[in-house]
Amino acid sequence: MASDDASDPVPRYSGFSRFELELEFVQCLANPAYLNYLAQQKILDKPDFINYLGYLQYFKDPKYSKFLHHPGPTLRALELLQQEPFRAEILNPSLFNYMTIEGLKNAIPADKKD
């Protein structure tokens, strides 16, 4: 929650720290549907957004990656988004479907697989 104390050293945005907002956003990148949406909206074509994704690479550091719920898919998406061919290809329904199916396969606990 936002503190009424003016001595709070962490700036708050609607009650959340910048880190909390960036953590929430970067975790959304593990969702192929969200990546597809960003591509459809042409957000992945904007240089400022690509620079922001570069800034978010700090989540690769174990000091920060420990906060990710699904570090593997999240960090892989962050890495792939650095590549222009991937940003264009995520619009392709077959890639979107492939990523969705693979994500679901990986979400099934090992003891529940065939």
PDB file of N, CA and C in Angstrom:
ATOM      1  N   MET A   1       0.825  -1.185   0.000  1.00  0.00           N
ATOM      2  CA  MET A   1       0.000   0.000   0.000  1.00  0.00           C
ATOM      3  C   MET A   1       0.869   1.249   0.000  1.00  0.00           C
ATOM      4  N   ALA A   2       0.319   2.302  -0.497  1.00  0.00           N
ATOM      5  CA  ALA A   2       1.046   3.571  -0.509  1.00  0.00           C
ATOM      6  C   ALA A   2       1.146   4.100   0.914  1.00  0.00           C
ATOM      7  N   SER A   3       2.288   4.619   1.206  1.00  0.00           N
ATOM      8  CA  SER A   3       2.522   5.172   2.532  1.00  0.00           C
ATOM      9  C   SER A   3       2.213   6.663   2.516  1.00  0.00           C
ATOM     10  N   ASP A   4       1.571   7.145   3.592  1.00  0.00           N
ATOM     11  CA  ASP A   4       1.326   8.574   3.727  1.00  0.00           C
ATOM     12  C   ASP A   4       2.572   9.277   4.231  1.00  0.00           C
ATOM     13  N   ASP A   5       3.560   8.494   4.646  1.00  0.00           N
ATOM     14  CA  ASP A   5       4.799   9.039   5.186  1.00  0.00           C
ATOM     15  C   ASP A   5       5.651   9.601   4.056  1.00  0.00           C
ATOM     16  N   ALA A   6       5.927  10.892   4.105  1.00  0.00           N
ATOM     17  CA  ALA A   6       6.713  11.554   3.063  1.00  0.00           C
ATOM     18  C   ALA A   6       8.148  11.055   3.037  1.00  0.00           C
ATOM     19  N   SER A   7       8.595  10.358   4.085  1.00  0.00           N
ATOM     20  CA  SER A   7       9.973   9.866   4.123  1.00  0.00           C
ATOM     21  C   SER A   7      10.127   8.505   3.435  1.00  0.00           C
ATOM     22  N   ASP A   8       9.046   7.953   2.887  1.00  0.00           N
ATOM     23  CA  ASP A   8       9.117   6.682   2.172  1.00  0.00           C
ATOM     24  C   ASP A   8      10.060   6.848   0.976  1.00  0.00           C
ATOM     25  N   PRO A   9      11.194   6.112   0.947  1.00  0.00           N
ATOM     26  CA  PRO A   9      12.183   6.302  -0.122  1.00  0.00           C
ATOM     27  C   PRO A   9      11.779   5.691  -1.472  1.00  0.00           C
ATOM     28  N   VAL A  10      10.771   4.834  -1.490  1.00  0.00           N
ATOM     29  CA  VAL A  10      10.363   4.169  -2.727  1.00  0.00           C
ATOM     30  C   VAL A  10       9.165   4.899  -3.328  1.00  0.00           C
ATOM     31  N   PRO A  11       9.335   5.472  -4.529  1.00  0.00           N
ATOM     32  CA  PRO A  11       8.185   6.124  -5.169  1.00  0.00           C
ATOM     33  C   PRO A  11       7.074   5.104  -5.432  1.00  0.00           C
ATOM     34  N   ARG A  12       5.860   5.528  -5.303  1.00  0.00           N
ATOM     35  CA  ARG A  12       4.703   4.647  -5.494  1.00  0.00           C
ATOM     36  C   ARG A  12       3.857   5.157  -6.649  1.00  0.00           C
ATOM     37  N   TYR A  13       3.305   4.209  -7.393  1.00  0.00           N
ATOM     38  CA  TYR A  13       2.418   4.503  -8.510  1.00  0.00           C
ATOM     39  C   TYR A  13       1.138   3.726  -8.243  1.00  0.00           C
ATOM     40  N   SER A  14       0.102   4.410  -7.860  1.00  0.00           N
ATOM     41  CA  SER A  14      -1.165   3.775  -7.467  1.00  0.00           C
ATOM     42  C   SER A  14      -0.934   2.724  -6.384  1.00  0.00           C
ATOM     43  N   GLY A  15       0.008   2.998  -5.514  1.00  0.00           N
ATOM     44  CA  GLY A  15       0.269   2.110  -4.386  1.00  0.00           C
ATOM     45  C   GLY A  15       1.325   1.053  -4.635  1.00  0.00           C
ATOM     46  N   PHE A  16       1.856   0.970  -5.845  1.00  0.00           N
ATOM     47  CA  PHE A  16       2.841  -0.045  -6.180  1.00  0.00           C
ATOM     48  C   PHE A  16       4.185   0.596  -6.493  1.00  0.00           C
ATOM     49  N   SER A  17       5.251  -0.125  -6.177  1.00  0.00           N
ATOM     50  CA  SER A  17       6.580   0.361  -6.541  1.00  0.00           C
ATOM     51  C   SER A  17       6.802   0.108  -8.031  1.00  0.00           C
ATOM     52  N   ARG A  18       7.765   0.792  -8.579  1.00  0.00           N
ATOM     53  CA  ARG A  18       8.108   0.584  -9.996  1.00  0.00           C
ATOM     54  C   ARG A  18       8.502  -0.875 -10.229  1.00  0.00           C
ATOM     55  N   PHE A  19       9.260  -1.442  -9.304  1.00  0.00           N
ATOM     56  CA  PHE A  19       9.660  -2.847  -9.443  1.00  0.00           C
ATOM     57  C   PHE A  19       8.445  -3.761  -9.505  1.00  0.00           C
ATOM     58  N   GLU A  20       7.470  -3.537  -8.645  1.00  0.00           N
ATOM     59  CA  GLU A  20       6.265  -4.377  -8.650  1.00  0.00           C
ATOM     60  C   GLU A  20       5.532  -4.286  -9.982  1.00  0.00           C
ATOM     61  N   LEU A  21       5.447  -3.079 -10.529  1.00  0.00           N
ATOM     62  CA  LEU A  21       4.781  -2.899 -11.828  1.00  0.00           C
ATOM     63  C   LEU A  21       5.571  -3.578 -12.945  1.00  0.00           C
ATOM     64  N   GLU A  22       6.881  -3.448 -12.923  1.00  0.00           N
ATOM     65  CA  GLU A  22       7.712  -4.088 -13.947  1.00  0.00           C
ATOM     66  C   GLU A  22       7.670  -5.601 -13.813  1.00  0.00           C
ATOM     67  N   LEU A  23       7.644  -6.096 -12.591  1.00  0.00           N
ATOM     68  CA  LEU A  23       7.540  -7.542 -12.362  1.00  0.00           C
ATOM     69  C   LEU A  23       6.228  -8.077 -12.938  1.00  0.00           C
ATOM     70  N   GLU A  24       5.141  -7.401 -12.664  1.00  0.00           N
ATOM     71  CA  GLU A  24       3.831  -7.817 -13.188  1.00  0.00           C
ATOM     72  C   GLU A  24       3.838  -7.823 -14.711  1.00  0.00           C
ATOM     73  N   PHE A  25       4.389  -6.758 -15.294  1.00  0.00           N
ATOM     74  CA  PHE A  25       4.419  -6.668 -16.749  1.00  0.00           C
ATOM     75  C   PHE A  25       5.288  -7.757 -17.360  1.00  0.00           C
ATOM     76  N   VAL A  26       6.491  -7.934 -16.853  1.00  0.00           N
ATOM     77  CA  VAL A  26       7.414  -8.886 -17.466  1.00  0.00           C
ATOM     78  C   VAL A  26       6.856 -10.314 -17.377  1.00  0.00           C
ATOM     79  N   GLN A  27       6.107 -10.613 -16.329  1.00  0.00           N
ATOM     80  CA  GLN A  27       5.497 -11.939 -16.217  1.00  0.00           C
ATOM     81  C   GLN A  27       4.402 -12.145 -17.264  1.00  0.00           C
ATOM     82  N   CYS A  28       3.767 -11.082 -17.693  1.00  0.00           N
ATOM     83  CA  CYS A  28       2.757 -11.181 -18.748  1.00  0.00           C
ATOM     84  C   CYS A  28       3.375 -11.629 -20.076  1.00  0.00           C
ATOM     85  N   LEU A  29       4.670 -11.380 -20.241  1.00  0.00           N
ATOM     86  CA  LEU A  29       5.339 -11.732 -21.496  1.00  0.00           C
ATOM     87  C   LEU A  29       5.440 -13.241 -21.700  1.00  0.00           C
ATOM     88  N   ALA A  30       5.220 -14.026 -20.668  1.00  0.00           N
ATOM     89  CA  ALA A  30       5.237 -15.482 -20.804  1.00  0.00           C
ATOM     90  C   ALA A  30       3.958 -16.000 -21.474  1.00  0.00           C
ATOM     91  N   ASN A  31       2.984 -15.129 -21.680  1.00  0.00           N
ATOM     92  CA  ASN A  31       1.705 -15.507 -22.269  1.00  0.00           C
ATOM     93  C   ASN A  31       1.736 -15.239 -23.776  1.00  0.00           C
ATOM     94  N   PRO A  32       1.724 -16.297 -24.612  1.00  0.00           N
ATOM     95  CA  PRO A  32       1.758 -16.092 -26.064  1.00  0.00           C
ATOM     96  C   PRO A  32       0.610 -15.231 -26.576  1.00  0.00           C
ATOM     97  N   ALA A  33      -0.555 -15.322 -25.962  1.00  0.00           N
ATOM     98  CA  ALA A  33      -1.694 -14.512 -26.393  1.00  0.00           C
ATOM     99  C   ALA A  33      -1.400 -13.025 -26.172  1.00  0.00           C
ATOM    100  N   TYR A  34      -0.723 -12.708 -25.102  1.00  0.00           N
ATOM    101  CA  TYR A  34      -0.369 -11.324 -24.835  1.00  0.00           C
ATOM    102  C   TYR A  34       0.677 -10.831 -25.840  1.00  0.00           C
ATOM    103  N   LEU A  35       1.652 -11.670 -26.149  1.00  0.00           N
ATOM    104  CA  LEU A  35       2.655 -11.310 -27.148  1.00  0.00           C
ATOM    105  C   LEU A  35       1.995 -11.071 -28.506  1.00  0.00           C
ATOM    106  N   ASN A  36       1.059 -11.928 -28.853  1.00  0.00           N
ATOM    107  CA  ASN A  36       0.331 -11.787 -30.109  1.00  0.00           C
ATOM    108  C   ASN A  36      -0.461 -10.474 -30.114  1.00  0.00           C
ATOM    109  N   TYR A  37      -1.085 -10.162 -29.000  1.00  0.00           N
ATOM    110  CA  TYR A  37      -1.837  -8.908 -28.876  1.00  0.00           C
ATOM    111  C   TYR A  37      -0.919  -7.698 -29.061  1.00  0.00           C
ATOM    112  N   LEU A  38       0.245  -7.719 -28.401  1.00  0.00           N
ATOM    113  CA  LEU A  38       1.187  -6.607 -28.541  1.00  0.00           C
ATOM    114  C   LEU A  38       1.610  -6.438 -29.996  1.00  0.00           C
ATOM    115  N   ALA A  39       1.812  -7.556 -30.687  1.00  0.00           N
ATOM    116  CA  ALA A  39       2.198  -7.491 -32.102  1.00  0.00           C
ATOM    117  C   ALA A  39       1.050  -6.939 -32.949  1.00  0.00           C
ATOM    118  N   GLN A  40      -0.168  -7.393 -32.695  1.00  0.00           N
ATOM    119  CA  GLN A  40      -1.328  -6.902 -33.451  1.00  0.00           C
ATOM    120  C   GLN A  40      -1.514  -5.401 -33.275  1.00  0.00           C
ATOM    121  N   GLN A  41      -1.226  -4.901 -32.096  1.00  0.00           N
ATOM    122  CA  GLN A  41      -1.385  -3.475 -31.810  1.00  0.00           C
ATOM    123  C   GLN A  41      -0.188  -2.650 -32.286  1.00  0.00           C
ATOM    124  N   LYS A  42       0.787  -3.322 -32.913  1.00  0.00           N
ATOM    125  CA  LYS A  42       2.003  -2.679 -33.434  1.00  0.00           C
ATOM    126  C   LYS A  42       2.904  -2.109 -32.330  1.00  0.00           C
ATOM    127  N   ILE A  43       2.702  -2.548 -31.118  1.00  0.00           N
ATOM    128  CA  ILE A  43       3.531  -2.089 -30.002  1.00  0.00           C
ATOM    129  C   ILE A  43       4.952  -2.637 -30.138  1.00  0.00           C
ATOM    130  N   LEU A  44       5.062  -3.851 -30.670  1.00  0.00           N
ATOM    131  CA  LEU A  44       6.383  -4.464 -30.837  1.00  0.00           C
ATOM    132  C   LEU A  44       7.190  -3.807 -31.950  1.00  0.00           C
ATOM    133  N   ASP A  45       6.584  -2.896 -32.683  1.00  0.00           N
ATOM    134  CA  ASP A  45       7.289  -2.170 -33.747  1.00  0.00           C
ATOM    135  C   ASP A  45       7.886  -0.851 -33.255  1.00  0.00           C
ATOM    136  N   LYS A  46       7.563  -0.468 -32.041  1.00  0.00           N
ATOM    137  CA  LYS A  46       7.976   0.842 -31.534  1.00  0.00           C
ATOM    138  C   LYS A  46       9.360   0.773 -30.888  1.00  0.00           C
ATOM    139  N   PRO A  47      10.302   1.576 -31.383  1.00  0.00           N
ATOM    140  CA  PRO A  47      11.662   1.565 -30.820  1.00  0.00           C
ATOM    141  C   PRO A  47      11.706   1.826 -29.313  1.00  0.00           C
ATOM    142  N   ASP A  48      10.856   2.706 -28.807  1.00  0.00           N
ATOM    143  CA  ASP A  48      10.847   2.973 -27.366  1.00  0.00           C
ATOM    144  C   ASP A  48      10.465   1.725 -26.574  1.00  0.00           C
ATOM    145  N   PHE A  49       9.524   0.951 -27.114  1.00  0.00           N
ATOM    146  CA  PHE A  49       9.114  -0.265 -26.429  1.00  0.00           C
ATOM    147  C   PHE A  49      10.236  -1.302 -26.475  1.00  0.00           C
ATOM    148  N   ILE A  50      10.920  -1.410 -27.592  1.00  0.00           N
ATOM    149  CA  ILE A  50      12.038  -2.351 -27.716  1.00  0.00           C
ATOM    150  C   ILE A  50      13.141  -1.958 -26.729  1.00  0.00           C
ATOM    151  N   ASN A  51      13.391  -0.664 -26.592  1.00  0.00           N
ATOM    152  CA  ASN A  51      14.370  -0.198 -25.603  1.00  0.00           C
ATOM    153  C   ASN A  51      13.933  -0.565 -24.187  1.00  0.00           C
ATOM    154  N   TYR A  52      12.636  -0.460 -23.920  1.00  0.00           N
ATOM    155  CA  TYR A  52      12.117  -0.825 -22.595  1.00  0.00           C
ATOM    156  C   TYR A  52      12.334  -2.320 -22.338  1.00  0.00           C
ATOM    157  N   LEU A  53      12.099  -3.137 -23.349  1.00  0.00           N
ATOM    158  CA  LEU A  53      12.349  -4.572 -23.200  1.00  0.00           C
ATOM    159  C   LEU A  53      13.825  -4.839 -22.912  1.00  0.00           C
ATOM    160  N   GLY A  54      14.696  -4.059 -23.530  1.00  0.00           N
ATOM    161  CA  GLY A  54      16.123  -4.174 -23.242  1.00  0.00           C
ATOM    162  C   GLY A  54      16.425  -3.821 -21.798  1.00  0.00           C
ATOM    163  N   TYR A  55      15.790  -2.785 -21.306  1.00  0.00           N
ATOM    164  CA  TYR A  55      15.952  -2.379 -19.906  1.00  0.00           C
ATOM    165  C   TYR A  55      15.505  -3.504 -18.972  1.00  0.00           C
ATOM    166  N   LEU A  56      14.429  -4.194 -19.324  1.00  0.00           N
ATOM    167  CA  LEU A  56      13.886  -5.246 -18.466  1.00  0.00           C
ATOM    168  C   LEU A  56      14.769  -6.493 -18.402  1.00  0.00           C
ATOM    169  N   GLN A  57      15.836  -6.512 -19.157  1.00  0.00           N
ATOM    170  CA  GLN A  57      16.766  -7.645 -19.117  1.00  0.00           C
ATOM    171  C   GLN A  57      17.355  -7.831 -17.719  1.00  0.00           C
ATOM    172  N   TYR A  58      17.231  -6.829 -16.866  1.00  0.00           N
ATOM    173  CA  TYR A  58      17.754  -6.984 -15.506  1.00  0.00           C
ATOM    174  C   TYR A  58      17.080  -8.142 -14.771  1.00  0.00           C
ATOM    175  N   PHE A  59      15.925  -8.579 -15.258  1.00  0.00           N
ATOM    176  CA  PHE A  59      15.249  -9.712 -14.618  1.00  0.00           C
ATOM    177  C   PHE A  59      16.013 -11.022 -14.802  1.00  0.00           C
ATOM    178  N   LYS A  60      16.997 -11.063 -15.673  1.00  0.00           N
ATOM    179  CA  LYS A  60      17.827 -12.255 -15.832  1.00  0.00           C
ATOM    180  C   LYS A  60      18.746 -12.467 -14.632  1.00  0.00           C
ATOM    181  N   ASP A  61      19.033 -11.406 -13.930  1.00  0.00           N
ATOM    182  CA  ASP A  61      19.885 -11.476 -12.744  1.00  0.00           C
ATOM    183  C   ASP A  61      19.137 -12.274 -11.663  1.00  0.00           C
ATOM    184  N   PRO A  62      19.779 -13.297 -11.078  1.00  0.00           N
ATOM    185  CA  PRO A  62      19.111 -14.097 -10.040  1.00  0.00           C
ATOM    186  C   PRO A  62      18.537 -13.268  -8.887  1.00  0.00           C
ATOM    187  N   LYS A  63      19.138 -12.113  -8.642  1.00  0.00           N
ATOM    188  CA  LYS A  63      18.643 -11.227  -7.588  1.00  0.00           C
ATOM    189  C   LYS A  63      17.200 -10.808  -7.874  1.00  0.00           C
ATOM    190  N   TYR A  64      16.828 -10.752  -9.157  1.00  0.00           N
ATOM    191  CA  TYR A  64      15.477 -10.344  -9.552  1.00  0.00           C
ATOM    192  C   TYR A  64      14.642 -11.510 -10.077  1.00  0.00           C
ATOM    193  N   SER A  65      15.278 -12.457 -10.762  1.00  0.00           N
ATOM    194  CA  SER A  65      14.517 -13.573 -11.348  1.00  0.00           C
ATOM    195  C   SER A  65      13.859 -14.441 -10.278  1.00  0.00           C
ATOM    196  N   LYS A  66      14.371 -14.385  -9.059  1.00  0.00           N
ATOM    197  CA  LYS A  66      13.765 -15.182  -7.989  1.00  0.00           C
ATOM    198  C   LYS A  66      12.325 -14.750  -7.692  1.00  0.00           C
ATOM    199  N   PHE A  67      11.942 -13.578  -8.141  1.00  0.00           N
ATOM    200  CA  PHE A  67      10.583 -13.086  -7.914  1.00  0.00           C
ATOM    201  C   PHE A  67       9.604 -13.539  -9.001  1.00  0.00           C
ATOM    202  N   LEU A  68      10.104 -14.096 -10.090  1.00  0.00           N
ATOM    203  CA  LEU A  68       9.238 -14.521 -11.197  1.00  0.00           C
ATOM    204  C   LEU A  68       8.531 -15.825 -10.845  1.00  0.00           C
ATOM    205  N   HIS A  69       7.240 -15.907 -11.142  1.00  0.00           N
ATOM    206  CA  HIS A  69       6.476 -17.141 -10.893  1.00  0.00           C
ATOM    207  C   HIS A  69       6.870 -18.244 -11.866  1.00  0.00           C
ATOM    208  N   HIS A  70       7.114 -17.880 -13.106  1.00  0.00           N
ATOM    209  CA  HIS A  70       7.494 -18.830 -14.154  1.00  0.00           C
ATOM    210  C   HIS A  70       8.734 -18.276 -14.854  1.00  0.00           C
ATOM    211  N   PRO A  71       9.891 -18.402 -14.215  1.00  0.00           N
ATOM    212  CA  PRO A  71      11.088 -17.752 -14.774  1.00  0.00           C
ATOM    213  C   PRO A  71      11.492 -18.264 -16.150  1.00  0.00           C
ATOM    214  N   GLY A  72      11.361 -19.555 -16.404  1.00  0.00           N
ATOM    215  CA  GLY A  72      11.772 -20.102 -17.701  1.00  0.00           C
ATOM    216  C   GLY A  72      11.058 -19.433 -18.867  1.00  0.00           C
ATOM    217  N   PRO A  73       9.735 -19.558 -18.939  1.00  0.00           N
ATOM    218  CA  PRO A  73       9.011 -18.951 -20.058  1.00  0.00           C
ATOM    219  C   PRO A  73       9.099 -17.428 -20.083  1.00  0.00           C
ATOM    220  N   THR A  74       9.148 -16.807 -18.918  1.00  0.00           N
ATOM    221  CA  THR A  74       9.212 -15.351 -18.861  1.00  0.00           C
ATOM    222  C   THR A  74      10.525 -14.843 -19.433  1.00  0.00           C
ATOM    223  N   LEU A  75      11.631 -15.423 -18.980  1.00  0.00           N
ATOM    224  CA  LEU A  75      12.939 -14.974 -19.451  1.00  0.00           C
ATOM    225  C   LEU A  75      13.169 -15.349 -20.910  1.00  0.00           C
ATOM    226  N   ARG A  76      12.625 -16.485 -21.341  1.00  0.00           N
ATOM    227  CA  ARG A  76      12.759 -16.879 -22.751  1.00  0.00           C
ATOM    228  C   ARG A  76      12.017 -15.885 -23.638  1.00  0.00           C
ATOM    229  N   ALA A  77      10.812 -15.498 -23.246  1.00  0.00           N
ATOM    230  CA  ALA A  77      10.055 -14.511 -24.036  1.00  0.00           C
ATOM    231  C   ALA A  77      10.788 -13.179 -24.074  1.00  0.00           C
ATOM    232  N   LEU A  78      11.343 -12.776 -22.952  1.00  0.00           N
ATOM    233  CA  LEU A  78      12.097 -11.523 -22.898  1.00  0.00           C
ATOM    234  C   LEU A  78      13.294 -11.576 -23.844  1.00  0.00           C
ATOM    235  N   GLU A  79      13.922 -12.737 -23.908  1.00  0.00           N
ATOM    236  CA  GLU A  79      15.059 -12.934 -24.821  1.00  0.00           C
ATOM    237  C   GLU A  79      14.598 -12.919 -26.282  1.00  0.00           C
ATOM    238  N   LEU A  80      13.531 -13.650 -26.585  1.00  0.00           N
ATOM    239  CA  LEU A  80      13.031 -13.724 -27.957  1.00  0.00           C
ATOM    240  C   LEU A  80      12.570 -12.361 -28.470  1.00  0.00           C
ATOM    241  N   LEU A  81      12.008 -11.568 -27.593  1.00  0.00           N
ATOM    242  CA  LEU A  81      11.508 -10.252 -28.006  1.00  0.00           C
ATOM    243  C   LEU A  81      12.630  -9.291 -28.395  1.00  0.00           C
ATOM    244  N   GLN A  82      13.861  -9.641 -28.107  1.00  0.00           N
ATOM    245  CA  GLN A  82      14.998  -8.830 -28.532  1.00  0.00           C
ATOM    246  C   GLN A  82      15.301  -9.056 -30.017  1.00  0.00           C
ATOM    247  N   GLN A  83      14.687 -10.090 -30.595  1.00  0.00           N
ATOM    248  CA  GLN A  83      14.953 -10.459 -31.985  1.00  0.00           C
ATOM    249  C   GLN A  83      13.810  -9.984 -32.888  1.00  0.00           C
ATOM    250  N   GLU A  84      14.139  -9.162 -33.869  1.00  0.00           N
ATOM    251  CA  GLU A  84      13.120  -8.613 -34.777  1.00  0.00           C
ATOM    252  C   GLU A  84      12.340  -9.705 -35.502  1.00  0.00           C
ATOM    253  N   PRO A  85      12.996 -10.781 -35.989  1.00  0.00           N
ATOM    254  CA  PRO A  85      12.205 -11.824 -36.670  1.00  0.00           C
ATOM    255  C   PRO A  85      11.126 -12.436 -35.770  1.00  0.00           C
ATOM    256  N   PHE A  86      11.439 -12.633 -34.494  1.00  0.00           N
ATOM    257  CA  PHE A  86      10.433 -13.182 -33.587  1.00  0.00           C
ATOM    258  C   PHE A  86       9.283 -12.202 -33.400  1.00  0.00           C
ATOM    259  N   ARG A  87       9.599 -10.926 -33.251  1.00  0.00           N
ATOM    260  CA  ARG A  87       8.538  -9.923 -33.057  1.00  0.00           C
ATOM    261  C   ARG A  87       7.581  -9.901 -34.235  1.00  0.00           C
ATOM    262  N   ALA A  88       8.083 -10.158 -35.429  1.00  0.00           N
ATOM    263  CA  ALA A  88       7.217 -10.207 -36.609  1.00  0.00           C
ATOM    264  C   ALA A  88       6.469 -11.541 -36.683  1.00  0.00           C
ATOM    265  N   GLU A  89       7.150 -12.617 -36.339  1.00  0.00           N
ATOM    266  CA  GLU A  89       6.591 -13.968 -36.496  1.00  0.00           C
ATOM    267  C   GLU A  89       5.512 -14.298 -35.469  1.00  0.00           C
ATOM    268  N   ILE A  90       5.497 -13.595 -34.341  1.00  0.00           N
ATOM    269  CA  ILE A  90       4.490 -13.901 -33.320  1.00  0.00           C
ATOM    270  C   ILE A  90       3.073 -13.630 -33.826  1.00  0.00           C
ATOM    271  N   LEU A  91       2.952 -12.889 -34.910  1.00  0.00           N
ATOM    272  CA  LEU A  91       1.641 -12.688 -35.533  1.00  0.00           C
ATOM    273  C   LEU A  91       1.157 -13.935 -36.263  1.00  0.00           C
ATOM    274  N   ASN A  92       2.078 -14.830 -36.586  1.00  0.00           N
ATOM    275  CA  ASN A  92       1.754 -16.058 -37.306  1.00  0.00           C
ATOM    276  C   ASN A  92       0.970 -16.995 -36.381  1.00  0.00           C
ATOM    277  N   PRO A  93      -0.263 -17.367 -36.774  1.00  0.00           N
ATOM    278  CA  PRO A  93      -1.069 -18.239 -35.921  1.00  0.00           C
ATOM    279  C   PRO A  93      -0.388 -19.571 -35.586  1.00  0.00           C
ATOM    280  N   SER A  94       0.409 -20.101 -36.486  1.00  0.00           N
ATOM    281  CA  SER A  94       1.038 -21.395 -36.188  1.00  0.00           C
ATOM    282  C   SER A  94       2.077 -21.258 -35.071  1.00  0.00           C
ATOM    283  N   LEU A  95       2.824 -20.149 -35.043  1.00  0.00           N
ATOM    284  CA  LEU A  95       3.780 -19.943 -33.949  1.00  0.00           C
ATOM    285  C   LEU A  95       3.040 -19.702 -32.644  1.00  0.00           C
ATOM    286  N   PHE A  96       2.007 -18.896 -32.702  1.00  0.00           N
ATOM    287  CA  PHE A  96       1.200 -18.625 -31.513  1.00  0.00           C
ATOM    288  C   PHE A  96       0.634 -19.939 -30.953  1.00  0.00           C
ATOM    289  N   ASN A  97       0.068 -20.772 -31.830  1.00  0.00           N
ATOM    290  CA  ASN A  97      -0.494 -22.051 -31.387  1.00  0.00           C
ATOM    291  C   ASN A  97       0.590 -22.970 -30.825  1.00  0.00           C
ATOM    292  N   TYR A  98       1.736 -23.025 -31.491  1.00  0.00           N
ATOM    293  CA  TYR A  98       2.842 -23.862 -31.026  1.00  0.00           C
ATOM    294  C   TYR A  98       3.279 -23.444 -29.616  1.00  0.00           C
ATOM    295  N   MET A  99       3.461 -22.139 -29.424  1.00  0.00           N
ATOM    296  CA  MET A  99       3.893 -21.653 -28.111  1.00  0.00           C
ATOM    297  C   MET A  99       2.851 -21.944 -27.037  1.00  0.00           C
ATOM    298  N   THR A 100       1.593 -21.833 -27.394  1.00  0.00           N
ATOM    299  CA  THR A 100       0.516 -22.108 -26.437  1.00  0.00           C
ATOM    300  C   THR A 100       0.513 -23.581 -26.051  1.00  0.00           C
ATOM    301  N   ILE A 101       0.602 -24.466 -27.030  1.00  0.00           N
ATOM    302  CA  ILE A 101       0.600 -25.910 -26.759  1.00  0.00           C
ATOM    303  C   ILE A 101       1.816 -26.313 -25.932  1.00  0.00           C
ATOM    304  N   GLU A 102       2.998 -25.801 -26.306  1.00  0.00           N
ATOM    305  CA  GLU A 102       4.212 -26.133 -25.553  1.00  0.00           C
ATOM    306  C   GLU A 102       4.115 -25.618 -24.119  1.00  0.00           C
ATOM    307  N   GLY A 103       3.555 -24.451 -23.948  1.00  0.00           N
ATOM    308  CA  GLY A 103       3.386 -23.908 -22.606  1.00  0.00           C
ATOM    309  C   GLY A 103       2.460 -24.760 -21.768  1.00  0.00           C
ATOM    310  N   LEU A 104       1.394 -25.249 -22.379  1.00  0.00           N
ATOM    311  CA  LEU A 104       0.468 -26.123 -21.653  1.00  0.00           C
ATOM    312  C   LEU A 104       1.128 -27.455 -21.310  1.00  0.00           C
ATOM    313  N   LYS A 105       1.906 -27.999 -22.234  1.00  0.00           N
ATOM    314  CA  LYS A 105       2.624 -29.256 -21.956  1.00  0.00           C
ATOM    315  C   LYS A 105       3.550 -29.084 -20.759  1.00  0.00           C
ATOM    316  N   ASN A 106       4.244 -27.970 -20.719  1.00  0.00           N
ATOM    317  CA  ASN A 106       5.195 -27.727 -19.649  1.00  0.00           C
ATOM    318  C   ASN A 106       4.503 -27.396 -18.321  1.00  0.00           C
ATOM    319  N   ALA A 107       3.243 -27.035 -18.384  1.00  0.00           N
ATOM    320  CA  ALA A 107       2.510 -26.708 -17.165  1.00  0.00           C
ATOM    321  C   ALA A 107       1.983 -27.947 -16.458  1.00  0.00           C
ATOM    322  N   ILE A 108       1.942 -29.057 -17.179  1.00  0.00           N
ATOM    323  CA  ILE A 108       1.440 -30.299 -16.582  1.00  0.00           C
ATOM    324  C   ILE A 108       2.541 -30.904 -15.708  1.00  0.00           C
ATOM    325  N   PRO A 109       2.241 -31.203 -14.444  1.00  0.00           N
ATOM    326  CA  PRO A 109       3.263 -31.811 -13.577  1.00  0.00           C
ATOM    327  C   PRO A 109       3.779 -33.127 -14.170  1.00  0.00           C
ATOM    328  N   ALA A 110       5.036 -33.410 -13.969  1.00  0.00           N
ATOM    329  CA  ALA A 110       5.686 -34.593 -14.548  1.00  0.00           C
ATOM    330  C   ALA A 110       4.964 -35.882 -14.162  1.00  0.00           C
ATOM    331  N   ASP A 111       4.440 -35.958 -12.941  1.00  0.00           N
ATOM    332  CA  ASP A 111       3.764 -37.179 -12.502  1.00  0.00           C
ATOM    333  C   ASP A 111       2.391 -37.342 -13.137  1.00  0.00           C
ATOM    334  N   LYS A 112       1.879 -36.345 -13.832  1.00  0.00           N
ATOM    335  CA  LYS A 112       0.569 -36.408 -14.484  1.00  0.00           C
ATOM    336  C   LYS A 112       0.665 -36.647 -15.984  1.00  0.00           C
ATOM    337  N   LYS A 113       1.884 -36.618 -16.531  1.00  0.00           N
ATOM    338  CA  LYS A 113       2.065 -36.838 -17.970  1.00  0.00           C
ATOM    339  C   LYS A 113       1.955 -38.323 -18.275  1.00  0.00           C
ATOM    340  N   ASP A 114       1.504 -38.627 -19.501  1.00  0.00           N
ATOM    341  CA  ASP A 114       1.305 -40.013 -19.966  1.00  0.00           C
ATOM    342  C   ASP A 114       1.967 -40.968 -19.055  1.00  0.00           C
TER     343      ASP A 114
END
